Amino acid sequence: MIIVYISLALFIGSIIYLAFFAFKTFKDSKPTIENMTQTVTRIQAKTDQIKSETDQLAMTQQGITEDVEYKKEAVQYTVEAAKEIPEPFKNIWFSIKGDKWKLRNRSDA
């Protein structure tokens, strides 16, 4: 019977020992867990900031692309208009000068 009481005492002692060290381990790891939580919070904040900046950069890039396309179209329109100007001016010049012979020869060609 004494062996049963000793076994029971050892079992209860081991449970108390386990509870004590579990509590001590939890208490010692709590600052580390809080530090990790703060680190995760800072990383999340930086990630959100980078995402916001990425979105803003994409909008700026789209605006620049649209502006470049608009200016490209304006320049192309101007170039096309400039290409068409010489012939009417030549016709006006020849008609003012009275050189209808050259004008007729240009029309025949």
Protein backbone atom coordinates (compact mmCIF):
# COMPACT_ATOMS: atom_id res chain seq x y z
CA MET A 1 0.00 0.00 0.00
CA ILE A 2 2.86 2.34 0.71
CA ILE A 3 4.05 1.95 -2.89
CA VAL A 4 0.67 3.20 -4.12
CA TYR A 5 0.92 6.31 -1.91
CA ILE A 6 4.51 6.99 -3.05
CA SER A 7 3.45 6.54 -6.69
CA LEU A 8 0.50 8.85 -6.18
CA ALA A 9 2.72 11.47 -4.51
CA LEU A 10 5.26 11.25 -7.35
CA PHE A 11 2.46 11.59 -9.92
CA ILE A 12 1.00 14.64 -8.17
CA GLY A 13 4.49 16.11 -7.75
CA SER A 14 5.25 15.63 -11.43
CA ILE A 15 1.94 17.29 -12.39
CA ILE A 16 2.77 20.27 -10.13
CA TYR A 17 6.32 20.39 -11.56
CA LEU A 18 4.91 20.32 -15.11
CA ALA A 19 2.42 23.09 -14.34
CA PHE A 20 5.13 25.25 -12.72
CA PHE A 21 7.51 24.98 -15.67
CA ALA A 22 4.69 25.41 -18.21
CA PHE A 23 3.68 28.64 -16.48
CA LYS A 24 7.32 29.77 -16.26
CA THR A 25 7.87 29.01 -19.97
CA PHE A 26 4.71 30.89 -20.92
CA LYS A 27 5.77 33.85 -18.78
CA ASP A 28 9.28 33.87 -20.32
CA SER A 29 7.97 33.58 -23.89
CA LYS A 30 5.33 36.30 -23.55
CA PRO A 31 7.74 39.21 -24.37
CA THR A 32 9.00 37.31 -27.41
CA ILE A 33 5.43 36.73 -28.61
CA GLU A 34 4.59 40.42 -28.10
CA ASN A 35 7.76 41.40 -29.98
CA MET A 36 6.81 39.10 -32.86
CA THR A 37 3.29 40.57 -32.88
CA GLN A 38 4.70 44.10 -33.07
CA THR A 39 7.06 43.04 -35.86
CA VAL A 40 4.20 41.51 -37.83
CA THR A 41 2.20 44.73 -37.33
CA ARG A 42 5.10 46.85 -38.61
CA ILE A 43 5.59 44.55 -41.61
CA GLN A 44 1.88 44.74 -42.40
CA ALA A 45 1.97 48.55 -42.18
CA LYS A 46 4.98 48.69 -44.53
CA THR A 47 3.27 46.28 -46.91
CA ASP A 48 0.15 48.46 -46.97
CA GLN A 49 2.31 51.55 -47.57
CA ILE A 50 4.12 49.86 -50.46
CA LYS A 51 0.80 48.73 -51.93
CA SER A 52 -0.53 52.29 -51.71
CA GLU A 53 2.59 53.69 -53.35
CA THR A 54 2.38 51.02 -56.06
CA ASP A 55 -1.22 51.99 -56.80
CA GLN A 56 -0.27 55.67 -56.92
CA LEU A 57 2.66 54.90 -59.21
CA ALA A 58 0.40 52.90 -61.53
CA MET A 59 -2.03 55.82 -61.74
CA THR A 60 0.82 58.25 -62.46
CA GLN A 61 2.20 55.90 -65.10
CA GLN A 62 -1.22 55.66 -66.74
CA GLY A 63 -1.51 59.46 -66.74
CA ILE A 64 1.92 59.83 -68.33
CA THR A 65 1.08 57.20 -70.94
CA GLU A 66 -2.16 58.98 -71.85
CA ASP A 67 -0.34 62.33 -72.04
CA VAL A 68 2.35 60.85 -74.31
CA GLU A 69 -0.31 59.33 -76.58
CA TYR A 70 -2.16 62.67 -76.77
CA LYS A 71 1.02 64.55 -77.62
CA LYS A 72 2.03 61.88 -80.13
CA GLU A 73 -1.32 62.24 -81.89
CA ALA A 74 -0.98 66.04 -81.87
CA VAL A 75 2.48 65.86 -83.42
CA GLN A 76 1.33 63.34 -86.02
CA TYR A 77 -1.62 65.57 -86.92
CA THR A 78 0.72 68.55 -87.26
CA VAL A 79 3.16 66.59 -89.42
CA GLU A 80 0.36 65.36 -91.68
CA ALA A 81 -0.99 68.89 -91.99
CA ALA A 82 2.50 70.20 -92.79
CA LYS A 83 2.90 67.56 -95.50
CA GLU A 84 -0.31 68.74 -97.17
CA ILE A 85 0.56 72.46 -97.09
CA PRO A 86 3.21 72.68 -99.89
CA GLU A 87 0.94 71.66 -102.79
CA PRO A 88 -1.82 74.25 -102.15
CA PHE A 89 0.80 76.95 -101.61
CA LYS A 90 2.53 75.99 -104.85
CA ASN A 91 -0.80 76.18 -106.66
CA ILE A 92 -1.51 79.61 -105.15
CA TRP A 93 2.00 80.78 -106.04
CA PHE A 94 1.71 79.61 -109.61
CA SER A 95 -1.72 81.20 -109.98
CA ILE A 96 -0.47 84.50 -108.55
CA LYS A 97 2.64 84.42 -110.68
CA GLY A 98 0.63 83.61 -113.75
CA ASP A 99 2.68 80.58 -114.61
CA LYS A 100 -0.19 78.39 -115.66
CA TRP A 101 1.97 76.38 -118.01
CA LYS A 102 3.96 74.84 -115.12
CA LEU A 103 0.75 74.24 -113.24
CA ARG A 104 -0.71 72.34 -116.20
CA ASN A 105 2.44 70.29 -116.59
CA ARG A 106 2.34 69.35 -112.90
CA SER A 107 -1.30 68.31 -113.23
CA ASP A 108 -0.53 66.12 -116.26
CA ALA A 109 2.26 64.26 -114.48
